[in-house]
Amino acid sequence: MADITRRLGWRHLRGAPTAHIRHHRSGTLVHDGPGLSFWFRSLTAALSEVPVDDRELAMTFHARTADFQDVAVQATVTYRVSDPAVAAARLDFSIDPDTGAWRGAPLEQLGTLLTETAQQHALDVLARTPLAEALVDGVTSVRERVAAGLAAEPRLPATGIEIVAVRVVALRPEPEVERALRTPAREQIQQEADRATYERRAVAVERERTIAENELASKIELARREEQLVDQRGTNARREAEENAAADKVRAEAEATRTVRLARAEAEAAREVGEARAHAQAAWLRVHADVDVSTLHALTGTRLAENLPRIDSLTVSPDVLTGLLAKLGASE
């Protein structure tokens, strides 16, 4: 909207750079261009303001597919006014000289024109397309058809309108139909999820079984090795006992042999000693057999004296001395 200021019966208009201003005075075009600023009298001025920037027009309409299913089409059309003079001549872009507001609704007229034209081409495409195919490839086909239809529409250039871009946001069926279409996909997704869950569980069970088998195999191998160890220990103990018994036998035999030999040696030595003693005794007897009795008594006294203990002192009492003297006197 143009900015208009009042001063003593005059009006001052200041337009935006994106607004094309056309000023007619008494039927003559005085000012024409975007972003103008000028003074004018309201009683003799006819003003038009045409926006020349890009405009976004969002539209939503319903269509029916080839299998008689209703769908909602959401699209956006970007357009601009390429010829402001033609647009101002075909549509009412006049503004109030006192307020700067549009007297009519030119943008609504443009919106209706573009919406109806786009809807006509979209309905033509969807009427020959089944719902399933429209939901898969309908966005692209509808966008291409609407863009081509708007570009070929002769009324738009005649109104000074240029189409910049066309976008189809979505094609949505009715909620009941959409839920019905989602059900198989959801079931399939759920089945895939269940299958993945079962596969994960199967893999986990298989891994647990493998781990249990490995543990059991380890226990069996350990038990087998323990059995081998026990057998080996028994064999070693038996072998050690046999070797100890053999060693004891050898030691016993050696000890017995040594004892026998020692006994034999002792017996032989005793026999030889006895024979020597017997020979010596016989010789001693032969020697003493030829000696007279007095000599033998003297030898006996000598031997007796040699074997008597040492006498440090001798006490002779009168009784003993009397007895000895008596014996000596009797012997004389």
C-alpha atoms as a PDB file:
ATOM      1  CA  MET A   1       0.000   0.000   0.000  1.00  0.00           C
ATOM      2  CA  ALA A   2       1.312   3.425  -0.967  1.00  0.00           C
ATOM      3  CA  ASP A   3       2.151   5.962   1.714  1.00  0.00           C
ATOM      4  CA  ILE A   4       0.048   9.129   1.161  1.00  0.00           C
ATOM      5  CA  THR A   5       0.424  12.361   3.176  1.00  0.00           C
ATOM      6  CA  ARG A   6      -2.009  15.305   3.193  1.00  0.00           C
ATOM      7  CA  ARG A   7      -0.777  18.928   3.010  1.00  0.00           C
ATOM      8  CA  LEU A   8      -3.180  21.915   2.422  1.00  0.00           C
ATOM      9  CA  GLY A   9      -5.303  20.244  -0.214  1.00  0.00           C
ATOM     10  CA  TRP A  10      -2.324  18.488  -1.802  1.00  0.00           C
ATOM     11  CA  ARG A  11      -1.363  14.857  -1.435  1.00  0.00           C
ATOM     12  CA  HIS A  12       2.099  13.367  -1.442  1.00  0.00           C
ATOM     13  CA  LEU A  13       2.566   9.770  -2.553  1.00  0.00           C
ATOM     14  CA  ARG A  14       5.629   7.686  -1.751  1.00  0.00           C
ATOM     15  CA  GLY A  15       5.715   4.250  -3.323  1.00  0.00           C
ATOM     16  CA  ALA A  16       7.770   1.133  -2.553  1.00  0.00           C
ATOM     17  CA  PRO A  17      10.521  -0.146  -4.903  1.00  0.00           C
ATOM     18  CA  THR A  18       8.443  -3.271  -5.544  1.00  0.00           C
ATOM     19  CA  ALA A  19       5.267  -1.316  -6.421  1.00  0.00           C
ATOM     20  CA  HIS A  20       4.697   0.111  -9.906  1.00  0.00           C
ATOM     21  CA  ILE A  21       2.765   3.439  -9.664  1.00  0.00           C
ATOM     22  CA  ARG A  22       0.695   4.844 -12.553  1.00  0.00           C
ATOM     23  CA  HIS A  23      -0.611   8.420 -12.122  1.00  0.00           C
ATOM     24  CA  HIS A  24      -3.191   9.787 -14.571  1.00  0.00           C
ATOM     25  CA  ARG A  25      -4.294  13.402 -14.385  1.00  0.00           C
ATOM     26  CA  SER A  26      -7.310  14.342 -16.442  1.00  0.00           C
ATOM     27  CA  GLY A  27      -6.772  11.225 -18.547  1.00  0.00           C
ATOM     28  CA  THR A  28      -3.104  11.888 -19.168  1.00  0.00           C
ATOM     29  CA  LEU A  29      -0.385   9.596 -17.777  1.00  0.00           C
ATOM     30  CA  VAL A  30       1.834  11.793 -15.649  1.00  0.00           C
ATOM     31  CA  HIS A  31       3.898   9.337 -13.573  1.00  0.00           C
ATOM     32  CA  ASP A  32       4.669   5.735 -14.399  1.00  0.00           C
ATOM     33  CA  GLY A  33       7.253   3.536 -12.654  1.00  0.00           C
ATOM     34  CA  PRO A  34       8.240   1.741  -9.433  1.00  0.00           C
ATOM     35  CA  GLY A  35       9.337   3.532  -6.252  1.00  0.00           C
ATOM     36  CA  LEU A  36       7.970   6.987  -7.291  1.00  0.00           C
ATOM     37  CA  SER A  37       7.452   9.945  -4.996  1.00  0.00           C
ATOM     38  CA  PHE A  38       5.405  12.994  -6.071  1.00  0.00           C
ATOM     39  CA  TRP A  39       2.728  15.550  -5.157  1.00  0.00           C
ATOM     40  CA  PHE A  40      -0.752  15.460  -6.679  1.00  0.00           C
ATOM     41  CA  ARG A  41      -4.289  16.753  -6.228  1.00  0.00           C
ATOM     42  CA  SER A  42      -6.782  14.122  -5.259  1.00  0.00           C
ATOM     43  CA  LEU A  43      -9.654  15.619  -7.283  1.00  0.00           C
ATOM     44  CA  THR A  44      -7.827  15.307 -10.604  1.00  0.00           C
ATOM     45  CA  ALA A  45      -5.649  12.222  -9.966  1.00  0.00           C
ATOM     46  CA  ALA A  46      -6.274   8.597 -10.881  1.00  0.00           C
ATOM     47  CA  LEU A  47      -3.738   6.314  -9.193  1.00  0.00           C
ATOM     48  CA  SER A  48      -2.887   2.644  -9.717  1.00  0.00           C
ATOM     49  CA  GLU A  49      -0.423   0.543  -7.698  1.00  0.00           C
ATOM     50  CA  VAL A  50       0.709  -2.751  -9.260  1.00  0.00           C
ATOM     51  CA  PRO A  51       3.069  -5.007  -7.223  1.00  0.00           C
ATOM     52  CA  VAL A  52       5.948  -6.254  -9.335  1.00  0.00           C
ATOM     53  CA  ASP A  53       7.621  -8.563  -6.793  1.00  0.00           C
ATOM     54  CA  ASP A  54       7.330 -12.363  -6.813  1.00  0.00           C
ATOM     55  CA  ARG A  55       4.165 -13.575  -5.125  1.00  0.00           C
ATOM     56  CA  GLU A  56       3.462 -16.982  -3.583  1.00  0.00           C
ATOM     57  CA  LEU A  57      -0.036 -18.351  -4.072  1.00  0.00           C
ATOM     58  CA  ALA A  58      -0.877 -21.416  -1.977  1.00  0.00           C
ATOM     59  CA  MET A  59      -3.818 -23.431  -3.195  1.00  0.00           C
ATOM     60  CA  THR A  60      -5.665 -26.516  -2.003  1.00  0.00           C
ATOM     61  CA  PHE A  61      -8.359 -28.258  -4.019  1.00  0.00           C
ATOM     62  CA  HIS A  62      -9.965 -31.667  -4.313  1.00  0.00           C
ATOM     63  CA  ALA A  63      -9.830 -33.997  -7.301  1.00  0.00           C
ATOM     64  CA  ARG A  64     -11.067 -37.495  -8.193  1.00  0.00           C
ATOM     65  CA  THR A  65      -8.872 -40.256  -9.547  1.00  0.00           C
ATOM     66  CA  ALA A  66      -9.655 -42.797 -12.250  1.00  0.00           C
ATOM     67  CA  ASP A  67     -10.923 -45.277  -9.614  1.00  0.00           C
ATOM     68  CA  PHE A  68     -13.289 -42.635  -8.157  1.00  0.00           C
ATOM     69  CA  GLN A  69     -11.229 -41.824  -5.068  1.00  0.00           C
ATOM     70  CA  ASP A  70     -11.117 -38.271  -3.735  1.00  0.00           C
ATOM     71  CA  VAL A  71      -7.683 -36.741  -3.179  1.00  0.00           C
ATOM     72  CA  ALA A  72      -6.622 -33.355  -1.832  1.00  0.00           C
ATOM     73  CA  VAL A  73      -3.964 -31.504  -3.826  1.00  0.00           C
ATOM     74  CA  GLN A  74      -1.708 -28.994  -2.094  1.00  0.00           C
ATOM     75  CA  ALA A  75       0.301 -26.775  -4.458  1.00  0.00           C
ATOM     76  CA  THR A  76       2.060 -23.419  -4.568  1.00  0.00           C
ATOM     77  CA  VAL A  77       2.379 -21.167  -7.616  1.00  0.00           C
ATOM     78  CA  THR A  78       4.979 -18.398  -7.748  1.00  0.00           C
ATOM     79  CA  TYR A  79       4.099 -15.562 -10.159  1.00  0.00           C
ATOM     80  CA  ARG A  80       4.895 -11.916 -10.887  1.00  0.00           C
ATOM     81  CA  VAL A  81       3.341  -9.028 -12.827  1.00  0.00           C
ATOM     82  CA  SER A  82       5.610  -8.691 -15.847  1.00  0.00           C
ATOM     83  CA  ASP A  83       3.627  -5.889 -17.573  1.00  0.00           C
ATOM     84  CA  PRO A  84       2.145  -3.456 -15.006  1.00  0.00           C
ATOM     85  CA  ALA A  85       0.444  -1.342 -17.677  1.00  0.00           C
ATOM     86  CA  VAL A  86      -1.459  -4.335 -19.087  1.00  0.00           C
ATOM     87  CA  ALA A  87      -2.278  -5.636 -15.599  1.00  0.00           C
ATOM     88  CA  ALA A  88      -3.562  -2.195 -14.517  1.00  0.00           C
ATOM     89  CA  ALA A  89      -5.709  -2.053 -17.674  1.00  0.00           C
ATOM     90  CA  ARG A  90      -7.158  -5.573 -17.211  1.00  0.00           C
ATOM     91  CA  LEU A  91      -7.554  -5.620 -13.433  1.00  0.00           C
ATOM     92  CA  ASP A  92      -8.584  -2.976 -10.943  1.00  0.00           C
ATOM     93  CA  PHE A  93      -5.329  -1.902  -9.214  1.00  0.00           C
ATOM     94  CA  SER A  94      -6.649   1.634  -8.505  1.00  0.00           C
ATOM     95  CA  ILE A  95      -5.976   3.052  -5.046  1.00  0.00           C
ATOM     96  CA  ASP A  96      -7.765   5.644  -2.945  1.00  0.00           C
ATOM     97  CA  PRO A  97      -5.930   9.002  -3.273  1.00  0.00           C
ATOM     98  CA  ASP A  98      -6.565   9.734   0.408  1.00  0.00           C
ATOM     99  CA  THR A  99      -5.641   6.409   2.031  1.00  0.00           C
ATOM    100  CA  GLY A 100      -3.525   4.590  -0.570  1.00  0.00           C
ATOM    101  CA  ALA A 101      -5.600   1.391  -0.207  1.00  0.00           C
ATOM    102  CA  TRP A 102      -6.842  -0.572  -3.196  1.00  0.00           C
ATOM    103  CA  ARG A 103     -10.409   0.125  -4.135  1.00  0.00           C
ATOM    104  CA  GLY A 104     -10.933  -3.471  -5.238  1.00  0.00           C
ATOM    105  CA  ALA A 105      -9.290  -6.848  -4.649  1.00  0.00           C
ATOM    106  CA  PRO A 106      -6.961  -7.371  -7.640  1.00  0.00           C
ATOM    107  CA  LEU A 107      -4.745  -9.981  -5.959  1.00  0.00           C
ATOM    108  CA  GLU A 108      -7.776 -12.080  -5.083  1.00  0.00           C
ATOM    109  CA  GLN A 109      -8.850 -11.966  -8.728  1.00  0.00           C
ATOM    110  CA  LEU A 110      -5.370 -13.102  -9.762  1.00  0.00           C
ATOM    111  CA  GLY A 111      -5.466 -15.869  -7.152  1.00  0.00           C
ATOM    112  CA  THR A 112      -8.817 -17.104  -8.396  1.00  0.00           C
ATOM    113  CA  LEU A 113      -7.585 -17.081 -11.973  1.00  0.00           C
ATOM    114  CA  LEU A 114      -4.413 -19.003 -11.209  1.00  0.00           C
ATOM    115  CA  THR A 115      -6.161 -21.470  -8.851  1.00  0.00           C
ATOM    116  CA  GLU A 116      -8.910 -22.338 -11.306  1.00  0.00           C
ATOM    117  CA  THR A 117      -6.447 -22.730 -14.175  1.00  0.00           C
ATOM    118  CA  ALA A 118      -4.099 -24.944 -12.150  1.00  0.00           C
ATOM    119  CA  GLN A 119      -7.023 -26.964 -10.778  1.00  0.00           C
ATOM    120  CA  GLN A 120      -8.365 -27.575 -14.288  1.00  0.00           C
ATOM    121  CA  HIS A 121      -5.070 -29.121 -15.453  1.00  0.00           C
ATOM    122  CA  ALA A 122      -4.582 -31.104 -12.232  1.00  0.00           C
ATOM    123  CA  LEU A 123      -8.092 -32.556 -12.461  1.00  0.00           C
ATOM    124  CA  ASP A 124      -7.455 -33.535 -16.067  1.00  0.00           C
ATOM    125  CA  VAL A 125      -4.354 -35.532 -15.052  1.00  0.00           C
ATOM    126  CA  LEU A 126      -5.795 -37.185 -11.953  1.00  0.00           C
ATOM    127  CA  ALA A 127      -9.023 -38.178 -13.694  1.00  0.00           C
ATOM    128  CA  ARG A 128      -6.984 -40.593 -15.836  1.00  0.00           C
ATOM    129  CA  THR A 129      -4.719 -41.861 -13.024  1.00  0.00           C
ATOM    130  CA  PRO A 130      -5.591 -44.568 -10.470  1.00  0.00           C
ATOM    131  CA  LEU A 131      -5.173 -43.713  -6.818  1.00  0.00           C
ATOM    132  CA  ALA A 132      -2.209 -46.002  -6.164  1.00  0.00           C
ATOM    133  CA  GLU A 133      -0.336 -44.618  -9.169  1.00  0.00           C
ATOM    134  CA  ALA A 134      -1.272 -41.050  -8.242  1.00  0.00           C
ATOM    135  CA  LEU A 135       0.134 -41.509  -4.755  1.00  0.00           C
ATOM    136  CA  VAL A 136       3.402 -42.835  -6.198  1.00  0.00           C
ATOM    137  CA  ASP A 137       4.016 -40.607  -9.244  1.00  0.00           C
ATOM    138  CA  GLY A 138       1.158 -38.113  -9.026  1.00  0.00           C
ATOM    139  CA  VAL A 139       3.146 -35.253  -7.537  1.00  0.00           C
ATOM    140  CA  THR A 140       5.566 -35.124 -10.458  1.00  0.00           C
ATOM    141  CA  SER A 141       2.948 -35.615 -13.153  1.00  0.00           C
ATOM    142  CA  VAL A 142       0.591 -33.037 -11.651  1.00  0.00           C
ATOM    143  CA  ARG A 143       3.385 -30.474 -11.247  1.00  0.00           C
ATOM    144  CA  GLU A 144       4.553 -30.920 -14.825  1.00  0.00           C
ATOM    145  CA  ARG A 145       1.020 -30.745 -16.192  1.00  0.00           C
ATOM    146  CA  VAL A 146       0.080 -27.642 -14.161  1.00  0.00           C
ATOM    147  CA  ALA A 147       3.322 -25.856 -15.093  1.00  0.00           C
ATOM    148  CA  ALA A 148       2.823 -26.650 -18.784  1.00  0.00           C
ATOM    149  CA  GLY A 149      -0.855 -25.624 -18.631  1.00  0.00           C
ATOM    150  CA  LEU A 150      -0.145 -22.292 -16.940  1.00  0.00           C
ATOM    151  CA  ALA A 151       2.653 -21.548 -19.404  1.00  0.00           C
ATOM    152  CA  ALA A 152       0.297 -22.233 -22.308  1.00  0.00           C
ATOM    153  CA  GLU A 153      -2.654 -20.351 -20.840  1.00  0.00           C
ATOM    154  CA  PRO A 154      -3.210 -17.309 -23.143  1.00  0.00           C
ATOM    155  CA  ARG A 155      -5.104 -15.279 -20.556  1.00  0.00           C
ATOM    156  CA  LEU A 156      -2.110 -14.923 -18.280  1.00  0.00           C
ATOM    157  CA  PRO A 157       0.168 -13.049 -20.731  1.00  0.00           C
ATOM    158  CA  ALA A 158      -2.868 -11.026 -21.786  1.00  0.00           C
ATOM    159  CA  THR A 159      -3.234  -9.970 -18.152  1.00  0.00           C
ATOM    160  CA  GLY A 160       0.482  -9.204 -17.801  1.00  0.00           C
ATOM    161  CA  ILE A 161       1.160 -12.230 -15.512  1.00  0.00           C
ATOM    162  CA  GLU A 162       4.299 -14.388 -15.686  1.00  0.00           C
ATOM    163  CA  ILE A 163       4.569 -17.820 -13.941  1.00  0.00           C
ATOM    164  CA  VAL A 164       7.862 -18.244 -12.110  1.00  0.00           C
ATOM    165  CA  ALA A 165       7.510 -21.740 -10.569  1.00  0.00           C
ATOM    166  CA  VAL A 166       4.982 -24.412  -9.725  1.00  0.00           C
ATOM    167  CA  ARG A 167       5.304 -26.751  -6.750  1.00  0.00           C
ATOM    168  CA  VAL A 168       2.988 -29.579  -5.744  1.00  0.00           C
ATOM    169  CA  VAL A 169       3.418 -30.196  -2.044  1.00  0.00           C
ATOM    170  CA  ALA A 170       1.273 -33.302  -1.521  1.00  0.00           C
ATOM    171  CA  LEU A 171      -1.488 -35.550  -2.775  1.00  0.00           C
ATOM    172  CA  ARG A 172      -3.549 -36.825   0.136  1.00  0.00           C
ATOM    173  CA  PRO A 173      -6.459 -39.281  -0.099  1.00  0.00           C
ATOM    174  CA  GLU A 174      -9.344 -39.270   2.338  1.00  0.00           C
ATOM    175  CA  PRO A 175      -8.440 -40.271   5.909  1.00  0.00           C
ATOM    176  CA  GLU A 176     -10.322 -43.597   5.724  1.00  0.00           C
ATOM    177  CA  VAL A 177      -8.704 -44.503   2.416  1.00  0.00           C
ATOM    178  CA  GLU A 178      -5.310 -43.406   3.678  1.00  0.00           C
ATOM    179  CA  ARG A 179      -5.661 -45.601   6.756  1.00  0.00           C
ATOM    180  CA  ALA A 180      -6.753 -48.512   4.573  1.00  0.00           C
ATOM    181  CA  LEU A 181      -3.739 -47.995   2.315  1.00  0.00           C
ATOM    182  CA  ARG A 182      -1.422 -47.734   5.279  1.00  0.00           C
ATOM    183  CA  THR A 183      -2.661 -50.970   6.829  1.00  0.00           C
ATOM    184  CA  PRO A 184      -0.901 -53.406   4.438  1.00  0.00           C
ATOM    185  CA  ALA A 185       2.293 -51.362   4.568  1.00  0.00           C
ATOM    186  CA  ARG A 186       2.138 -51.222   8.360  1.00  0.00           C
ATOM    187  CA  GLU A 187       1.465 -54.939   8.533  1.00  0.00           C
ATOM    188  CA  GLN A 188       4.365 -55.601   6.208  1.00  0.00           C
ATOM    189  CA  ILE A 189       6.606 -53.327   8.283  1.00  0.00           C
ATOM    190  CA  GLN A 190       5.385 -55.064  11.440  1.00  0.00           C
ATOM    191  CA  GLN A 191       6.068 -58.446   9.856  1.00  0.00           C
ATOM    192  CA  GLU A 192       9.535 -57.288   8.872  1.00  0.00           C
ATOM    193  CA  ALA A 193      10.081 -56.003  12.396  1.00  0.00           C
ATOM    194  CA  ASP A 194       8.796 -59.288  13.869  1.00  0.00           C
ATOM    195  CA  ARG A 195      10.971 -61.244  11.452  1.00  0.00           C
ATOM    196  CA  ALA A 196      13.981 -59.143  12.416  1.00  0.00           C
ATOM    197  CA  THR A 197      13.123 -59.693  16.095  1.00  0.00           C
ATOM    198  CA  TYR A 198      12.794 -63.435  15.582  1.00  0.00           C
ATOM    199  CA  GLU A 199      16.042 -63.503  13.633  1.00  0.00           C
ATOM    200  CA  ARG A 200      17.798 -61.601  16.405  1.00  0.00           C
ATOM    201  CA  ARG A 201      16.355 -64.000  18.961  1.00  0.00           C
ATOM    202  CA  ALA A 202      17.342 -66.975  16.804  1.00  0.00           C
ATOM    203  CA  VAL A 203      20.848 -65.589  16.464  1.00  0.00           C
ATOM    204  CA  ALA A 204      20.985 -65.000  20.224  1.00  0.00           C
ATOM    205  CA  VAL A 205      19.722 -68.547  20.915  1.00  0.00           C
ATOM    206  CA  GLU A 206      22.198 -69.967  18.426  1.00  0.00           C
ATOM    207  CA  ARG A 207      25.007 -68.017  20.050  1.00  0.00           C
ATOM    208  CA  GLU A 208      23.922 -69.173  23.504  1.00  0.00           C
ATOM    209  CA  ARG A 209      23.741 -72.760  22.231  1.00  0.00           C
ATOM    210  CA  THR A 210      27.206 -72.410  20.713  1.00  0.00           C
ATOM    211  CA  ILE A 211      28.530 -70.972  23.962  1.00  0.00           C
ATOM    212  CA  ALA A 212      26.878 -73.796  25.959  1.00  0.00           C
ATOM    213  CA  GLU A 213      28.307 -76.400  23.572  1.00  0.00           C
ATOM    214  CA  ASN A 214      31.739 -74.829  23.866  1.00  0.00           C
ATOM    215  CA  GLU A 215      31.475 -74.806  27.661  1.00  0.00           C
ATOM    216  CA  LEU A 216      30.294 -78.449  27.651  1.00  0.00           C
ATOM    217  CA  ALA A 217      33.084 -79.428  25.277  1.00  0.00           C
ATOM    218  CA  SER A 218      35.549 -77.633  27.531  1.00  0.00           C
ATOM    219  CA  LYS A 219      34.193 -79.475  30.591  1.00  0.00           C
ATOM    220  CA  ILE A 220      34.338 -82.821  28.754  1.00  0.00           C
ATOM    221  CA  GLU A 221      37.891 -82.113  27.625  1.00  0.00           C
ATOM    222  CA  LEU A 222      38.823 -81.060  31.160  1.00  0.00           C
ATOM    223  CA  ALA A 223      37.251 -84.219  32.613  1.00  0.00           C
ATOM    224  CA  ARG A 224      39.067 -86.343  30.014  1.00  0.00           C
ATOM    225  CA  ARG A 225      42.356 -84.692  30.871  1.00  0.00           C
ATOM    226  CA  GLU A 226      41.663 -85.127  34.587  1.00  0.00           C
ATOM    227  CA  GLU A 227      40.964 -88.823  33.920  1.00  0.00           C
ATOM    228  CA  GLN A 228      44.215 -89.092  32.002  1.00  0.00           C
ATOM    229  CA  LEU A 229      45.968 -87.289  34.842  1.00  0.00           C
ATOM    230  CA  VAL A 230      44.488 -89.701  37.410  1.00  0.00           C
ATOM    231  CA  ASP A 231      45.492 -92.687  35.260  1.00  0.00           C
ATOM    232  CA  GLN A 232      48.945 -91.271  34.803  1.00  0.00           C
ATOM    233  CA  ARG A 233      49.235 -90.605  38.534  1.00  0.00           C
ATOM    234  CA  GLY A 234      48.135 -94.204  39.246  1.00  0.00           C
ATOM    235  CA  THR A 235      50.608 -95.530  36.706  1.00  0.00           C
ATOM    236  CA  ASN A 236      53.341 -93.382  38.198  1.00  0.00           C
ATOM    237  CA  ALA A 237      52.454 -94.495  41.749  1.00  0.00           C
ATOM    238  CA  ARG A 238      52.344 -98.150  40.682  1.00  0.00           C
ATOM    239  CA  ARG A 239      55.613 -97.794  38.848  1.00  0.00           C
ATOM    240  CA  GLU A 240      57.125 -96.005  41.842  1.00  0.00           C
ATOM    241  CA  ALA A 241      55.862 -98.754  44.174  1.00  0.00           C
ATOM    242  CA  GLU A 242      57.263-101.428  41.866  1.00  0.00           C
ATOM    243  CA  GLU A 243      60.556 -99.617  41.649  1.00  0.00           C
ATOM    244  CA  ASN A 244      60.619 -99.142  45.441  1.00  0.00           C
ATOM    245  CA  ALA A 245      59.788-102.826  45.950  1.00  0.00           C
ATOM    246  CA  ALA A 246      62.489-103.824  43.509  1.00  0.00           C
ATOM    247  CA  ALA A 247      64.920-101.485  45.245  1.00  0.00           C
ATOM    248  CA  ASP A 248      63.901-102.868  48.662  1.00  0.00           C
ATOM    249  CA  LYS A 249      64.341-106.406  47.329  1.00  0.00           C
ATOM    250  CA  VAL A 250      67.760-105.569  46.003  1.00  0.00           C
ATOM    251  CA  ARG A 251      68.661-103.891  49.288  1.00  0.00           C
ATOM    252  CA  ALA A 252      67.295-106.851  51.272  1.00  0.00           C
ATOM    253  CA  GLU A 253      69.167-109.344  49.132  1.00  0.00           C
ATOM    254  CA  ALA A 254      72.306-107.267  49.428  1.00  0.00           C
ATOM    255  CA  GLU A 255      71.826-106.959  53.188  1.00  0.00           C
ATOM    256  CA  ALA A 256      71.133-110.686  53.471  1.00  0.00           C
ATOM    257  CA  THR A 257      74.177-111.492  51.380  1.00  0.00           C
ATOM    258  CA  ARG A 258      76.261-109.116  53.452  1.00  0.00           C
ATOM    259  CA  THR A 259      74.898-110.600  56.686  1.00  0.00           C
ATOM    260  CA  VAL A 260      75.578-114.148  55.487  1.00  0.00           C
ATOM    261  CA  ARG A 261      79.034-113.193  54.417  1.00  0.00           C
ATOM    262  CA  LEU A 262      79.613-111.386  57.720  1.00  0.00           C
ATOM    263  CA  ALA A 263      78.296-114.363  59.683  1.00  0.00           C
ATOM    264  CA  ARG A 264      80.456-116.686  57.669  1.00  0.00           C
ATOM    265  CA  ALA A 265      83.458-114.438  58.255  1.00  0.00           C
ATOM    266  CA  GLU A 266      82.714-114.168  61.960  1.00  0.00           C
ATOM    267  CA  ALA A 267      82.243-117.925  62.198  1.00  0.00           C
ATOM    268  CA  GLU A 268      85.459-118.495  60.297  1.00  0.00           C
ATOM    269  CA  ALA A 269      87.236-115.992  62.531  1.00  0.00           C
ATOM    270  CA  ALA A 270      85.766-117.553  65.655  1.00  0.00           C
ATOM    271  CA  ARG A 271      86.770-120.989  64.422  1.00  0.00           C
ATOM    272  CA  GLU A 272      90.251-119.796  63.650  1.00  0.00           C
ATOM    273  CA  VAL A 273      90.445-117.991  67.024  1.00  0.00           C
ATOM    274  CA  GLY A 274      89.193-121.097  68.802  1.00  0.00           C
ATOM    275  CA  GLU A 275      91.665-123.279  66.979  1.00  0.00           C
ATOM    276  CA  ALA A 276      94.428-120.822  67.835  1.00  0.00           C
ATOM    277  CA  ARG A 277      93.353-120.716  71.438  1.00  0.00           C
ATOM    278  CA  ALA A 278      93.104-124.481  71.473  1.00  0.00           C
ATOM    279  CA  HIS A 279      96.577-124.806  69.982  1.00  0.00           C
ATOM    280  CA  ALA A 280      97.897-122.249  72.467  1.00  0.00           C
ATOM    281  CA  GLN A 281      96.186-123.991  75.369  1.00  0.00           C
ATOM    282  CA  ALA A 282      97.499-127.333  74.226  1.00  0.00           C
ATOM    283  CA  ALA A 283     100.975-125.876  73.917  1.00  0.00           C
ATOM    284  CA  TRP A 284     100.613-124.253  77.317  1.00  0.00           C
ATOM    285  CA  LEU A 285      99.530-127.518  78.821  1.00  0.00           C
ATOM    286  CA  ARG A 286     102.371-129.378  77.160  1.00  0.00           C
ATOM    287  CA  VAL A 287     104.806-126.857  78.559  1.00  0.00           C
ATOM    288  CA  HIS A 288     103.413-127.038  82.082  1.00  0.00           C
ATOM    289  CA  ALA A 289     103.141-130.800  82.009  1.00  0.00           C
ATOM    290  CA  ASP A 290     106.910-131.194  82.300  1.00  0.00           C
ATOM    291  CA  VAL A 291     107.291-128.609  85.128  1.00  0.00           C
ATOM    292  CA  ASP A 292     107.406-129.717  88.814  1.00  0.00           C
ATOM    293  CA  VAL A 293     104.675-128.811  91.313  1.00  0.00           C
ATOM    294  CA  SER A 294     106.632-126.139  93.188  1.00  0.00           C
ATOM    295  CA  THR A 295     107.253-124.258  90.007  1.00  0.00           C
ATOM    296  CA  LEU A 296     103.586-124.362  89.097  1.00  0.00           C
ATOM    297  CA  HIS A 297     102.699-123.035  92.580  1.00  0.00           C
ATOM    298  CA  ALA A 298     105.158-120.205  92.108  1.00  0.00           C
ATOM    299  CA  LEU A 299     103.727-119.363  88.673  1.00  0.00           C
ATOM    300  CA  THR A 300     100.232-119.469  90.099  1.00  0.00           C
ATOM    301  CA  GLY A 301     101.195-117.090  92.854  1.00  0.00           C
ATOM    302  CA  THR A 302     102.792-114.787  90.323  1.00  0.00           C
ATOM    303  CA  ARG A 303      99.743-114.798  88.139  1.00  0.00           C
ATOM    304  CA  LEU A 304      97.542-114.198  91.155  1.00  0.00           C
ATOM    305  CA  ALA A 305      99.703-111.324  92.264  1.00  0.00           C
ATOM    306  CA  GLU A 306      99.519-109.784  88.812  1.00  0.00           C
ATOM    307  CA  ASN A 307      95.770-109.913  88.880  1.00  0.00           C
ATOM    308  CA  LEU A 308      95.312-108.633  92.446  1.00  0.00           C
ATOM    309  CA  PRO A 309      94.235-105.012  92.851  1.00  0.00           C
ATOM    310  CA  ARG A 310      96.735-102.446  94.040  1.00  0.00           C
ATOM    311  CA  ILE A 311      97.052-102.266  97.828  1.00  0.00           C
ATOM    312  CA  ASP A 312      98.096 -98.876  99.095  1.00  0.00           C
ATOM    313  CA  SER A 313      98.227 -99.870 102.813  1.00  0.00           C
ATOM    314  CA  LEU A 314      97.908-103.100 104.824  1.00  0.00           C
ATOM    315  CA  THR A 315      96.845-103.292 108.391  1.00  0.00           C
ATOM    316  CA  VAL A 316      97.738-106.497 110.307  1.00  0.00           C
ATOM    317  CA  SER A 317      95.892-106.985 113.525  1.00  0.00           C
ATOM    318  CA  PRO A 318      97.357-109.002 116.413  1.00  0.00           C
ATOM    319  CA  ASP A 319      94.874-111.785 115.815  1.00  0.00           C
ATOM    320  CA  VAL A 320      95.896-112.180 112.217  1.00  0.00           C
ATOM    321  CA  LEU A 321      99.554-111.946 113.126  1.00  0.00           C
ATOM    322  CA  THR A 322      99.146-114.585 115.830  1.00  0.00           C
ATOM    323  CA  GLY A 323      97.380-116.898 113.430  1.00  0.00           C
ATOM    324  CA  LEU A 324     100.089-116.500 110.810  1.00  0.00           C
ATOM    325  CA  LEU A 325     102.849-117.141 113.302  1.00  0.00           C
ATOM    326  CA  ALA A 326     101.040-120.188 114.466  1.00  0.00           C
ATOM    327  CA  LYS A 327     100.790-121.518 110.948  1.00  0.00           C
ATOM    328  CA  LEU A 328     104.409-120.801 110.287  1.00  0.00           C
ATOM    329  CA  GLY A 329     105.423-122.623 113.512  1.00  0.00           C
ATOM    330  CA  ALA A 330     103.308-125.555 112.624  1.00  0.00           C
ATOM    331  CA  SER A 331     104.797-125.761 109.216  1.00  0.00           C
ATOM    332  CA  GLU A 332     108.299-126.087 110.731  1.00  0.00           C
END
